[in-house]
Amino acid sequence: MTAKSRGHDNFGTDRVAKPTKESGDATLPSPPLATLVHERSGQIHPLLADITVIGRDKSCAVLIRDDTAVSRKHAHILRKGVSFRIEDLGSSNGVYVNGIKLAGSHELQVGDRVEIGAQVYLFKRRA
């Protein structure tokens, strides 16, 4: 047996099966189950984590800059399975959903308007 013929003859050649477009690319992330969309700018905030914190602090997943009515850690959205609940984290100015100030948590529904300070977001789900 020569060095060239060791092992399988097709190893390392074009004759080995390759992924096709139809098989998809496993490295591409799936789209988020839900998002918050800023009403004015259209900026999309995917809700990927089990806990998504909203506020002015640079550690927040939904970072709100230049709005003094927003606390550093104003609110969070909790994901449990396919359900998303929003809760105020004891902010001074509160969280409003569809114009109603939250008292406790609220299960978000498609189209809900979430107001934090002067910012308005729409809750959307993947189509």
C-alpha atoms as a PDB file:
ATOM      1  CA  MET A   1       0.000   0.000   0.000  1.00  0.00           C
ATOM      2  CA  THR A   2       1.476   3.361  -0.984  1.00  0.00           C
ATOM      3  CA  ALA A   3       1.144   6.551   1.044  1.00  0.00           C
ATOM      4  CA  LYS A   4      -1.340   7.910  -1.509  1.00  0.00           C
ATOM      5  CA  SER A   5      -3.683   4.925  -1.380  1.00  0.00           C
ATOM      6  CA  ARG A   6      -3.893   4.592   2.437  1.00  0.00           C
ATOM      7  CA  GLY A   7      -7.427   4.725   3.806  1.00  0.00           C
ATOM      8  CA  HIS A   8     -10.503   5.505   1.762  1.00  0.00           C
ATOM      9  CA  ASP A   9      -9.884   6.656  -1.799  1.00  0.00           C
ATOM     10  CA  ASN A  10     -12.582   9.381  -1.584  1.00  0.00           C
ATOM     11  CA  PHE A  11     -11.322  10.978   1.620  1.00  0.00           C
ATOM     12  CA  GLY A  12     -10.574  14.668   1.045  1.00  0.00           C
ATOM     13  CA  THR A  13     -11.923  14.707  -2.496  1.00  0.00           C
ATOM     14  CA  ASP A  14     -14.943  16.331  -4.091  1.00  0.00           C
ATOM     15  CA  ARG A  15     -16.630  12.922  -4.214  1.00  0.00           C
ATOM     16  CA  VAL A  16     -17.540  13.174  -0.511  1.00  0.00           C
ATOM     17  CA  ALA A  17     -21.078  14.485   0.168  1.00  0.00           C
ATOM     18  CA  LYS A  18     -21.266  18.193   0.958  1.00  0.00           C
ATOM     19  CA  PRO A  19     -24.081  20.217   2.579  1.00  0.00           C
ATOM     20  CA  THR A  20     -26.613  21.625   0.164  1.00  0.00           C
ATOM     21  CA  LYS A  21     -28.768  24.757   0.369  1.00  0.00           C
ATOM     22  CA  GLU A  22     -31.801  22.545   1.024  1.00  0.00           C
ATOM     23  CA  SER A  23     -30.229  21.050   4.149  1.00  0.00           C
ATOM     24  CA  GLY A  24     -29.866  24.484   5.763  1.00  0.00           C
ATOM     25  CA  ASP A  25     -27.044  25.891   7.811  1.00  0.00           C
ATOM     26  CA  ALA A  26     -27.043  24.760  11.421  1.00  0.00           C
ATOM     27  CA  THR A  27     -24.814  27.691  12.400  1.00  0.00           C
ATOM     28  CA  LEU A  28     -27.478  30.312  11.679  1.00  0.00           C
ATOM     29  CA  PRO A  29     -29.418  31.331  14.816  1.00  0.00           C
ATOM     30  CA  SER A  30     -33.156  30.878  14.742  1.00  0.00           C
ATOM     31  CA  PRO A  31     -35.191  34.097  14.820  1.00  0.00           C
ATOM     32  CA  PRO A  32     -36.306  35.266  18.265  1.00  0.00           C
ATOM     33  CA  LEU A  33     -39.687  34.097  19.505  1.00  0.00           C
ATOM     34  CA  ALA A  34     -40.629  37.666  20.447  1.00  0.00           C
ATOM     35  CA  THR A  35     -39.328  41.225  20.164  1.00  0.00           C
ATOM     36  CA  LEU A  36     -39.890  44.726  21.476  1.00  0.00           C
ATOM     37  CA  VAL A  37     -39.966  47.257  18.635  1.00  0.00           C
ATOM     38  CA  HIS A  38     -39.384  50.929  19.414  1.00  0.00           C
ATOM     39  CA  GLU A  39     -42.442  52.740  18.052  1.00  0.00           C
ATOM     40  CA  ARG A  40     -40.602  55.812  16.689  1.00  0.00           C
ATOM     41  CA  SER A  41     -37.220  54.482  15.568  1.00  0.00           C
ATOM     42  CA  GLY A  42     -38.294  50.966  14.595  1.00  0.00           C
ATOM     43  CA  GLN A  43     -35.302  49.537  16.477  1.00  0.00           C
ATOM     44  CA  ILE A  44     -35.881  45.849  17.195  1.00  0.00           C
ATOM     45  CA  HIS A  45     -34.917  44.352  20.555  1.00  0.00           C
ATOM     46  CA  PRO A  46     -35.026  40.535  20.427  1.00  0.00           C
ATOM     47  CA  LEU A  47     -36.191  38.900  23.656  1.00  0.00           C
ATOM     48  CA  LEU A  48     -33.696  36.022  23.711  1.00  0.00           C
ATOM     49  CA  ALA A  49     -32.879  35.557  27.397  1.00  0.00           C
ATOM     50  CA  ASP A  50     -35.061  34.214  30.190  1.00  0.00           C
ATOM     51  CA  ILE A  51     -34.738  37.669  31.808  1.00  0.00           C
ATOM     52  CA  THR A  52     -34.453  40.828  29.689  1.00  0.00           C
ATOM     53  CA  VAL A  53     -33.718  43.969  31.712  1.00  0.00           C
ATOM     54  CA  ILE A  54     -34.828  47.389  30.421  1.00  0.00           C
ATOM     55  CA  GLY A  55     -33.313  50.649  31.632  1.00  0.00           C
ATOM     56  CA  ARG A  56     -30.513  53.237  31.453  1.00  0.00           C
ATOM     57  CA  ASP A  57     -27.769  51.030  32.927  1.00  0.00           C
ATOM     58  CA  LYS A  58     -25.245  49.931  30.314  1.00  0.00           C
ATOM     59  CA  SER A  59     -25.767  46.293  31.380  1.00  0.00           C
ATOM     60  CA  CYS A  60     -29.424  46.361  30.255  1.00  0.00           C
ATOM     61  CA  ALA A  61     -30.374  44.308  27.197  1.00  0.00           C
ATOM     62  CA  VAL A  62     -32.814  47.063  26.190  1.00  0.00           C
ATOM     63  CA  LEU A  63     -30.739  50.168  26.836  1.00  0.00           C
ATOM     64  CA  ILE A  64     -32.603  53.479  26.986  1.00  0.00           C
ATOM     65  CA  ARG A  65     -30.312  56.498  26.784  1.00  0.00           C
ATOM     66  CA  ASP A  66     -31.058  60.146  27.472  1.00  0.00           C
ATOM     67  CA  ASP A  67     -34.433  59.654  29.156  1.00  0.00           C
ATOM     68  CA  THR A  68     -34.263  60.805  32.777  1.00  0.00           C
ATOM     69  CA  ALA A  69     -37.740  59.377  33.451  1.00  0.00           C
ATOM     70  CA  VAL A  70     -36.213  55.889  33.061  1.00  0.00           C
ATOM     71  CA  SER A  71     -34.496  54.207  36.015  1.00  0.00           C
ATOM     72  CA  ARG A  72     -31.139  52.458  35.669  1.00  0.00           C
ATOM     73  CA  LYS A  73     -32.930  49.102  35.902  1.00  0.00           C
ATOM     74  CA  HIS A  74     -36.527  50.079  35.254  1.00  0.00           C
ATOM     75  CA  ALA A  75     -38.282  46.838  34.306  1.00  0.00           C
ATOM     76  CA  HIS A  76     -37.668  43.312  33.143  1.00  0.00           C
ATOM     77  CA  ILE A  77     -39.376  40.830  30.866  1.00  0.00           C
ATOM     78  CA  LEU A  78     -39.442  37.231  32.051  1.00  0.00           C
ATOM     79  CA  ARG A  79     -39.712  34.440  29.488  1.00  0.00           C
ATOM     80  CA  LYS A  80     -41.153  31.124  30.575  1.00  0.00           C
ATOM     81  CA  GLY A  81     -41.659  28.771  27.654  1.00  0.00           C
ATOM     82  CA  VAL A  82     -43.596  30.828  25.099  1.00  0.00           C
ATOM     83  CA  SER A  83     -45.006  33.251  27.693  1.00  0.00           C
ATOM     84  CA  PHE A  84     -43.510  36.722  28.300  1.00  0.00           C
ATOM     85  CA  ARG A  85     -44.315  38.747  31.437  1.00  0.00           C
ATOM     86  CA  ILE A  86     -43.221  42.315  32.165  1.00  0.00           C
ATOM     87  CA  GLU A  87     -42.621  43.620  35.679  1.00  0.00           C
ATOM     88  CA  ASP A  88     -41.675  47.024  37.052  1.00  0.00           C
ATOM     89  CA  LEU A  89     -38.496  46.833  39.145  1.00  0.00           C
ATOM     90  CA  GLY A  90     -39.620  49.530  41.593  1.00  0.00           C
ATOM     91  CA  SER A  91     -39.041  52.469  39.250  1.00  0.00           C
ATOM     92  CA  SER A  92     -40.158  55.972  40.201  1.00  0.00           C
ATOM     93  CA  ASN A  93     -42.267  56.544  37.087  1.00  0.00           C
ATOM     94  CA  GLY A  94     -43.713  53.084  36.513  1.00  0.00           C
ATOM     95  CA  VAL A  95     -44.386  50.948  33.465  1.00  0.00           C
ATOM     96  CA  TYR A  96     -47.536  51.326  31.399  1.00  0.00           C
ATOM     97  CA  VAL A  97     -49.036  48.658  29.155  1.00  0.00           C
ATOM     98  CA  ASN A  98     -51.739  49.880  26.797  1.00  0.00           C
ATOM     99  CA  GLY A  99     -52.033  53.073  28.851  1.00  0.00           C
ATOM    100  CA  ILE A 100     -52.541  51.304  32.201  1.00  0.00           C
ATOM    101  CA  LYS A 101     -49.919  51.534  34.950  1.00  0.00           C
ATOM    102  CA  LEU A 102     -48.686  48.116  36.017  1.00  0.00           C
ATOM    103  CA  ALA A 103     -49.349  46.837  39.497  1.00  0.00           C
ATOM    104  CA  GLY A 104     -47.474  43.545  39.606  1.00  0.00           C
ATOM    105  CA  SER A 105     -46.655  41.653  36.421  1.00  0.00           C
ATOM    106  CA  HIS A 106     -48.474  41.541  33.101  1.00  0.00           C
ATOM    107  CA  GLU A 107     -48.433  38.767  30.487  1.00  0.00           C
ATOM    108  CA  LEU A 108     -47.584  40.455  27.194  1.00  0.00           C
ATOM    109  CA  GLN A 109     -49.842  39.904  24.199  1.00  0.00           C
ATOM    110  CA  VAL A 110     -49.109  40.642  20.548  1.00  0.00           C
ATOM    111  CA  GLY A 111     -49.558  44.355  19.869  1.00  0.00           C
ATOM    112  CA  ASP A 112     -49.244  45.482  23.497  1.00  0.00           C
ATOM    113  CA  ARG A 113     -47.846  49.038  23.820  1.00  0.00           C
ATOM    114  CA  VAL A 114     -45.221  49.172  26.557  1.00  0.00           C
ATOM    115  CA  GLU A 115     -44.388  52.677  27.851  1.00  0.00           C
ATOM    116  CA  ILE A 116     -41.220  53.240  29.863  1.00  0.00           C
ATOM    117  CA  GLY A 117     -40.497  56.914  30.443  1.00  0.00           C
ATOM    118  CA  ALA A 118     -41.114  58.666  27.117  1.00  0.00           C
ATOM    119  CA  GLN A 119     -40.262  55.486  25.179  1.00  0.00           C
ATOM    120  CA  VAL A 120     -42.974  53.351  23.589  1.00  0.00           C
ATOM    121  CA  TYR A 121     -42.395  49.786  22.420  1.00  0.00           C
ATOM    122  CA  LEU A 122     -44.649  47.318  20.662  1.00  0.00           C
ATOM    123  CA  PHE A 123     -44.565  43.656  21.668  1.00  0.00           C
ATOM    124  CA  LYS A 124     -44.402  41.373  18.637  1.00  0.00           C
ATOM    125  CA  ARG A 125     -44.064  37.638  18.070  1.00  0.00           C
ATOM    126  CA  ARG A 126     -42.341  35.732  15.310  1.00  0.00           C
ATOM    127  CA  ALA A 127     -44.696  35.137  12.393  1.00  0.00           C
END
